[in-house]
Amino acid sequence: MKINKYVVIPLAIVIILIAIFIFVSSTLSSVIVFIPGIILTYIVYLITFYKKTPNPERILTLYLLLLGIQFLHFTEEYLTDFITEVPKLLGQEAYPLDHWLVFNMVAYFIFIIGGIILFKQIKELMIIPLFFILVGVLLNSLGHILIAIYVGGYFSGLYTALIYIIICPMLIKRLWDETKTISDPIKY
């Protein structure tokens, strides 16, 4: 039986990330967001990138733009006390600043590698940029917007999340268009 590296390697990444989120994360919000997020990402990978690797010329510019906005988003969160506001909603203590900084900087390094993965079309690692798009951008944006609605006003990171909600659907549409397979024409 031949092992399909395009299924097994992304699945191994999912398992490793789940273990990291469980054992390394010091925050409940990380566990309840990132574990379902990586599982969702794997499912989306199987119905998109697994079937067809996208053309980097169509998606890399928007991916890098969103990555740049992520740095601005991080800055907005930092300046508006995200590390105390989110835990407060969950009845927890503030996140340790050093853990939060390290977690984000490591994540951003990996998401930069995700841009290289897209550019080089490394199919078995496409789950990395896809995780950034779906969880780091889309779910992050929706989460900030929903929390702002819940608290009835501004919530840390909201302004940059609003930029995401405009650009991210454009990227997702391009990804979907790029990865859908064309059926063979019916032959009579």
C-alpha atoms as a PDB file:
ATOM      1  CA  MET A   1       0.000   0.000   0.000  1.00  0.00           C
ATOM      2  CA  LYS A   2       1.437   3.322  -1.089  1.00  0.00           C
ATOM      3  CA  ILE A   3       1.281   6.210   1.396  1.00  0.00           C
ATOM      4  CA  ASN A   4      -0.041   9.443  -0.055  1.00  0.00           C
ATOM      5  CA  LYS A   5       2.274  12.165   1.252  1.00  0.00           C
ATOM      6  CA  TYR A   6      -0.244  14.826   0.233  1.00  0.00           C
ATOM      7  CA  VAL A   7      -2.677  13.409   2.809  1.00  0.00           C
ATOM      8  CA  VAL A   8      -0.271  12.122   5.471  1.00  0.00           C
ATOM      9  CA  ILE A   9       2.075  15.122   5.824  1.00  0.00           C
ATOM     10  CA  PRO A  10      -0.748  17.664   6.320  1.00  0.00           C
ATOM     11  CA  LEU A  11      -2.424  15.241   8.752  1.00  0.00           C
ATOM     12  CA  ALA A  12       0.849  14.970  10.698  1.00  0.00           C
ATOM     13  CA  ILE A  13       1.010  18.775  10.837  1.00  0.00           C
ATOM     14  CA  VAL A  14      -2.557  18.826  12.189  1.00  0.00           C
ATOM     15  CA  ILE A  15      -1.717  16.287  14.910  1.00  0.00           C
ATOM     16  CA  ILE A  16       1.466  18.125  15.903  1.00  0.00           C
ATOM     17  CA  LEU A  17      -0.368  21.465  16.070  1.00  0.00           C
ATOM     18  CA  ILE A  18      -3.168  20.009  18.174  1.00  0.00           C
ATOM     19  CA  ALA A  19      -0.580  18.639  20.600  1.00  0.00           C
ATOM     20  CA  ILE A  20       1.183  22.013  20.727  1.00  0.00           C
ATOM     21  CA  PHE A  21      -2.098  23.877  21.296  1.00  0.00           C
ATOM     22  CA  ILE A  22      -3.033  21.487  24.113  1.00  0.00           C
ATOM     23  CA  PHE A  23       0.310  21.245  25.893  1.00  0.00           C
ATOM     24  CA  VAL A  24       1.982  24.583  25.207  1.00  0.00           C
ATOM     25  CA  SER A  25      -0.877  27.040  25.119  1.00  0.00           C
ATOM     26  CA  SER A  26      -1.561  28.742  28.397  1.00  0.00           C
ATOM     27  CA  THR A  27      -4.898  30.146  27.248  1.00  0.00           C
ATOM     28  CA  LEU A  28      -8.332  28.612  26.913  1.00  0.00           C
ATOM     29  CA  SER A  29      -9.129  30.855  23.952  1.00  0.00           C
ATOM     30  CA  SER A  30      -6.195  29.403  21.991  1.00  0.00           C
ATOM     31  CA  VAL A  31      -7.415  25.861  22.552  1.00  0.00           C
ATOM     32  CA  ILE A  32     -11.065  26.552  21.691  1.00  0.00           C
ATOM     33  CA  VAL A  33     -10.157  28.502  18.546  1.00  0.00           C
ATOM     34  CA  PHE A  34      -7.055  26.815  17.138  1.00  0.00           C
ATOM     35  CA  ILE A  35      -7.926  23.141  17.551  1.00  0.00           C
ATOM     36  CA  PRO A  36     -11.258  23.331  15.692  1.00  0.00           C
ATOM     37  CA  GLY A  37      -9.549  25.761  13.294  1.00  0.00           C
ATOM     38  CA  ILE A  38      -6.776  23.348  12.297  1.00  0.00           C
ATOM     39  CA  ILE A  39      -9.275  20.503  11.886  1.00  0.00           C
ATOM     40  CA  LEU A  40     -11.439  22.726   9.657  1.00  0.00           C
ATOM     41  CA  THR A  41      -8.327  23.737   7.716  1.00  0.00           C
ATOM     42  CA  TYR A  42      -7.442  20.098   7.036  1.00  0.00           C
ATOM     43  CA  ILE A  43     -10.948  19.415   5.717  1.00  0.00           C
ATOM     44  CA  VAL A  44     -10.807  22.473   3.461  1.00  0.00           C
ATOM     45  CA  TYR A  45      -7.306  21.421   2.319  1.00  0.00           C
ATOM     46  CA  LEU A  46      -8.678  18.028   1.240  1.00  0.00           C
ATOM     47  CA  ILE A  47     -11.387  19.641  -0.905  1.00  0.00           C
ATOM     48  CA  THR A  48      -9.162  22.362  -2.371  1.00  0.00           C
ATOM     49  CA  PHE A  49      -5.339  22.301  -2.365  1.00  0.00           C
ATOM     50  CA  TYR A  50      -5.172  18.506  -2.228  1.00  0.00           C
ATOM     51  CA  LYS A  51      -7.031  18.322  -5.513  1.00  0.00           C
ATOM     52  CA  LYS A  52      -5.210  21.165  -7.238  1.00  0.00           C
ATOM     53  CA  THR A  53      -2.374  23.478  -6.240  1.00  0.00           C
ATOM     54  CA  PRO A  54      -3.287  27.127  -6.851  1.00  0.00           C
ATOM     55  CA  ASN A  55      -1.390  29.399  -9.189  1.00  0.00           C
ATOM     56  CA  PRO A  56       0.717  31.658  -6.919  1.00  0.00           C
ATOM     57  CA  GLU A  57       0.349  34.589  -9.321  1.00  0.00           C
ATOM     58  CA  ARG A  58      -3.378  34.670  -8.538  1.00  0.00           C
ATOM     59  CA  ILE A  59      -3.167  34.494  -4.739  1.00  0.00           C
ATOM     60  CA  LEU A  60       0.250  35.459  -3.409  1.00  0.00           C
ATOM     61  CA  THR A  61      -0.282  39.233  -3.600  1.00  0.00           C
ATOM     62  CA  LEU A  62      -3.452  39.098  -1.482  1.00  0.00           C
ATOM     63  CA  TYR A  63      -1.858  36.564   0.893  1.00  0.00           C
ATOM     64  CA  LEU A  64       1.112  38.882   1.492  1.00  0.00           C
ATOM     65  CA  LEU A  65      -1.185  41.902   1.865  1.00  0.00           C
ATOM     66  CA  LEU A  66      -3.155  40.041   4.548  1.00  0.00           C
ATOM     67  CA  LEU A  67       0.093  39.033   6.236  1.00  0.00           C
ATOM     68  CA  GLY A  68       1.145  42.680   6.339  1.00  0.00           C
ATOM     69  CA  ILE A  69      -2.230  43.615   7.809  1.00  0.00           C
ATOM     70  CA  GLN A  70      -1.657  40.881  10.405  1.00  0.00           C
ATOM     71  CA  PHE A  71       1.339  42.838  11.698  1.00  0.00           C
ATOM     72  CA  LEU A  72      -0.843  45.941  11.971  1.00  0.00           C
ATOM     73  CA  HIS A  73      -3.530  43.847  13.674  1.00  0.00           C
ATOM     74  CA  PHE A  74      -1.005  42.584  16.204  1.00  0.00           C
ATOM     75  CA  THR A  75       0.049  46.179  16.846  1.00  0.00           C
ATOM     76  CA  GLU A  76      -3.563  47.264  17.377  1.00  0.00           C
ATOM     77  CA  GLU A  77      -4.099  44.390  19.807  1.00  0.00           C
ATOM     78  CA  TYR A  78      -0.900  45.241  21.657  1.00  0.00           C
ATOM     79  CA  LEU A  79      -1.778  48.921  21.987  1.00  0.00           C
ATOM     80  CA  THR A  80      -5.365  48.229  23.088  1.00  0.00           C
ATOM     81  CA  ASP A  81      -4.652  45.671  25.819  1.00  0.00           C
ATOM     82  CA  PHE A  82      -5.781  42.492  24.047  1.00  0.00           C
ATOM     83  CA  ILE A  83      -3.894  40.313  26.549  1.00  0.00           C
ATOM     84  CA  THR A  84      -6.189  41.414  29.353  1.00  0.00           C
ATOM     85  CA  GLU A  85      -9.444  42.012  27.468  1.00  0.00           C
ATOM     86  CA  VAL A  86      -9.918  38.543  25.940  1.00  0.00           C
ATOM     87  CA  PRO A  87      -9.108  36.609  29.126  1.00  0.00           C
ATOM     88  CA  LYS A  88     -11.440  38.919  31.060  1.00  0.00           C
ATOM     89  CA  LEU A  89     -14.305  37.770  28.809  1.00  0.00           C
ATOM     90  CA  LEU A  90     -13.492  34.152  29.706  1.00  0.00           C
ATOM     91  CA  GLY A  91     -13.035  34.824  33.408  1.00  0.00           C
ATOM     92  CA  GLN A  92      -9.284  34.216  33.221  1.00  0.00           C
ATOM     93  CA  GLU A  93      -6.158  36.084  34.242  1.00  0.00           C
ATOM     94  CA  ALA A  94      -4.352  38.237  31.669  1.00  0.00           C
ATOM     95  CA  TYR A  95      -2.171  36.399  29.199  1.00  0.00           C
ATOM     96  CA  PRO A  96       1.539  36.577  30.044  1.00  0.00           C
ATOM     97  CA  LEU A  97       2.930  39.212  27.671  1.00  0.00           C
ATOM     98  CA  ASP A  98       6.110  37.247  26.903  1.00  0.00           C
ATOM     99  CA  HIS A  99       4.141  34.105  25.941  1.00  0.00           C
ATOM    100  CA  TRP A 100       1.760  36.108  23.786  1.00  0.00           C
ATOM    101  CA  LEU A 101       4.622  37.894  22.008  1.00  0.00           C
ATOM    102  CA  VAL A 102       6.574  34.678  21.372  1.00  0.00           C
ATOM    103  CA  PHE A 103       3.460  32.827  20.177  1.00  0.00           C
ATOM    104  CA  ASN A 104       2.636  35.586  17.685  1.00  0.00           C
ATOM    105  CA  MET A 105       6.178  36.062  16.407  1.00  0.00           C
ATOM    106  CA  VAL A 106       6.617  32.314  15.834  1.00  0.00           C
ATOM    107  CA  ALA A 107       3.234  32.185  14.103  1.00  0.00           C
ATOM    108  CA  TYR A 108       4.140  35.104  11.843  1.00  0.00           C
ATOM    109  CA  PHE A 109       7.437  33.471  10.913  1.00  0.00           C
ATOM    110  CA  ILE A 110       5.534  30.305   9.961  1.00  0.00           C
ATOM    111  CA  PHE A 111       3.020  32.352   7.958  1.00  0.00           C
ATOM    112  CA  ILE A 112       5.890  34.022   6.081  1.00  0.00           C
ATOM    113  CA  ILE A 113       7.124  30.503   5.273  1.00  0.00           C
ATOM    114  CA  GLY A 114       3.528  29.924   4.111  1.00  0.00           C
ATOM    115  CA  GLY A 115       4.076  32.588   1.457  1.00  0.00           C
ATOM    116  CA  ILE A 116       7.157  30.717   0.249  1.00  0.00           C
ATOM    117  CA  ILE A 117       5.133  27.485   0.226  1.00  0.00           C
ATOM    118  CA  LEU A 118       2.522  29.166  -1.981  1.00  0.00           C
ATOM    119  CA  PHE A 119       5.181  30.624  -4.262  1.00  0.00           C
ATOM    120  CA  LYS A 120       7.030  27.302  -4.624  1.00  0.00           C
ATOM    121  CA  GLN A 121       3.729  25.357  -4.830  1.00  0.00           C
ATOM    122  CA  ILE A 122       4.746  22.809  -2.180  1.00  0.00           C
ATOM    123  CA  LYS A 123       1.456  20.936  -2.133  1.00  0.00           C
ATOM    124  CA  GLU A 124       2.015  18.804   0.988  1.00  0.00           C
ATOM    125  CA  LEU A 125       2.667  21.958   3.080  1.00  0.00           C
ATOM    126  CA  MET A 126      -0.197  24.071   1.702  1.00  0.00           C
ATOM    127  CA  ILE A 127      -2.082  23.517   4.960  1.00  0.00           C
ATOM    128  CA  ILE A 128       0.187  26.163   6.529  1.00  0.00           C
ATOM    129  CA  PRO A 129      -0.869  29.143   4.380  1.00  0.00           C
ATOM    130  CA  LEU A 130      -4.427  27.819   4.341  1.00  0.00           C
ATOM    131  CA  PHE A 131      -4.474  27.846   8.168  1.00  0.00           C
ATOM    132  CA  PHE A 132      -3.351  31.482   8.119  1.00  0.00           C
ATOM    133  CA  ILE A 133      -6.105  32.399   5.654  1.00  0.00           C
ATOM    134  CA  LEU A 134      -8.924  30.526   7.367  1.00  0.00           C
ATOM    135  CA  VAL A 135      -7.994  30.880  11.037  1.00  0.00           C
ATOM    136  CA  GLY A 136      -5.411  33.656  11.275  1.00  0.00           C
ATOM    137  CA  VAL A 137      -7.459  35.975   9.101  1.00  0.00           C
ATOM    138  CA  LEU A 138     -11.064  34.885   8.514  1.00  0.00           C
ATOM    139  CA  LEU A 139     -11.968  33.387  11.916  1.00  0.00           C
ATOM    140  CA  ASN A 140      -9.853  36.015  13.664  1.00  0.00           C
ATOM    141  CA  SER A 141     -11.757  38.765  11.900  1.00  0.00           C
ATOM    142  CA  LEU A 142     -15.160  37.245  12.575  1.00  0.00           C
ATOM    143  CA  GLY A 143     -14.210  36.681  16.217  1.00  0.00           C
ATOM    144  CA  HIS A 144     -13.219  40.302  16.744  1.00  0.00           C
ATOM    145  CA  ILE A 145     -16.385  41.562  15.075  1.00  0.00           C
ATOM    146  CA  LEU A 146     -18.646  39.223  17.072  1.00  0.00           C
ATOM    147  CA  ILE A 147     -16.938  40.137  20.342  1.00  0.00           C
ATOM    148  CA  ALA A 148     -17.353  43.850  19.535  1.00  0.00           C
ATOM    149  CA  ILE A 149     -21.054  43.222  18.958  1.00  0.00           C
ATOM    150  CA  TYR A 150     -21.231  41.248  22.214  1.00  0.00           C
ATOM    151  CA  VAL A 151     -19.559  43.996  24.271  1.00  0.00           C
ATOM    152  CA  GLY A 152     -21.544  46.689  22.487  1.00  0.00           C
ATOM    153  CA  GLY A 153     -18.611  48.717  21.152  1.00  0.00           C
ATOM    154  CA  TYR A 154     -14.965  48.718  20.251  1.00  0.00           C
ATOM    155  CA  PHE A 155     -12.981  45.617  21.166  1.00  0.00           C
ATOM    156  CA  SER A 156      -9.206  45.237  20.873  1.00  0.00           C
ATOM    157  CA  GLY A 157      -8.222  44.540  17.252  1.00  0.00           C
ATOM    158  CA  LEU A 158     -11.568  45.495  15.709  1.00  0.00           C
ATOM    159  CA  TYR A 159     -10.351  48.102  13.209  1.00  0.00           C
ATOM    160  CA  THR A 160      -7.830  45.866  11.479  1.00  0.00           C
ATOM    161  CA  ALA A 161     -10.308  42.965  11.663  1.00  0.00           C
ATOM    162  CA  LEU A 162     -12.661  45.089   9.552  1.00  0.00           C
ATOM    163  CA  ILE A 163      -9.954  45.355   6.879  1.00  0.00           C
ATOM    164  CA  TYR A 164      -9.617  41.557   6.898  1.00  0.00           C
ATOM    165  CA  ILE A 165     -13.323  41.025   6.366  1.00  0.00           C
ATOM    166  CA  ILE A 166     -13.072  42.999   3.123  1.00  0.00           C
ATOM    167  CA  ILE A 167      -9.913  41.457   1.657  1.00  0.00           C
ATOM    168  CA  CYS A 168     -10.104  37.867   2.922  1.00  0.00           C
ATOM    169  CA  PRO A 169     -13.247  36.879   0.971  1.00  0.00           C
ATOM    170  CA  MET A 170     -11.515  38.066  -2.216  1.00  0.00           C
ATOM    171  CA  LEU A 171      -8.596  35.741  -1.486  1.00  0.00           C
ATOM    172  CA  ILE A 172     -10.858  32.835  -0.569  1.00  0.00           C
ATOM    173  CA  LYS A 173     -12.795  33.257  -3.822  1.00  0.00           C
ATOM    174  CA  ARG A 174      -9.539  33.225  -5.778  1.00  0.00           C
ATOM    175  CA  LEU A 175      -8.374  30.128  -3.903  1.00  0.00           C
ATOM    176  CA  TRP A 176     -11.661  28.387  -4.558  1.00  0.00           C
ATOM    177  CA  ASP A 177     -11.546  29.289  -8.260  1.00  0.00           C
ATOM    178  CA  GLU A 178      -7.914  28.191  -8.481  1.00  0.00           C
ATOM    179  CA  THR A 179      -8.396  24.848  -6.762  1.00  0.00           C
ATOM    180  CA  LYS A 180     -11.691  23.640  -8.180  1.00  0.00           C
ATOM    181  CA  THR A 181     -11.199  20.867 -10.661  1.00  0.00           C
ATOM    182  CA  ILE A 182     -12.711  20.951 -14.080  1.00  0.00           C
ATOM    183  CA  SER A 183     -14.812  17.907 -14.884  1.00  0.00           C
ATOM    184  CA  ASP A 184     -14.163  15.965 -18.023  1.00  0.00           C
ATOM    185  CA  PRO A 185     -16.654  16.929 -20.678  1.00  0.00           C
ATOM    186  CA  ILE A 186     -19.361  14.344 -21.262  1.00  0.00           C
ATOM    187  CA  LYS A 187     -18.431  12.244 -24.245  1.00  0.00           C
ATOM    188  CA  TYR A 188     -21.155  10.908 -26.470  1.00  0.00           C
END
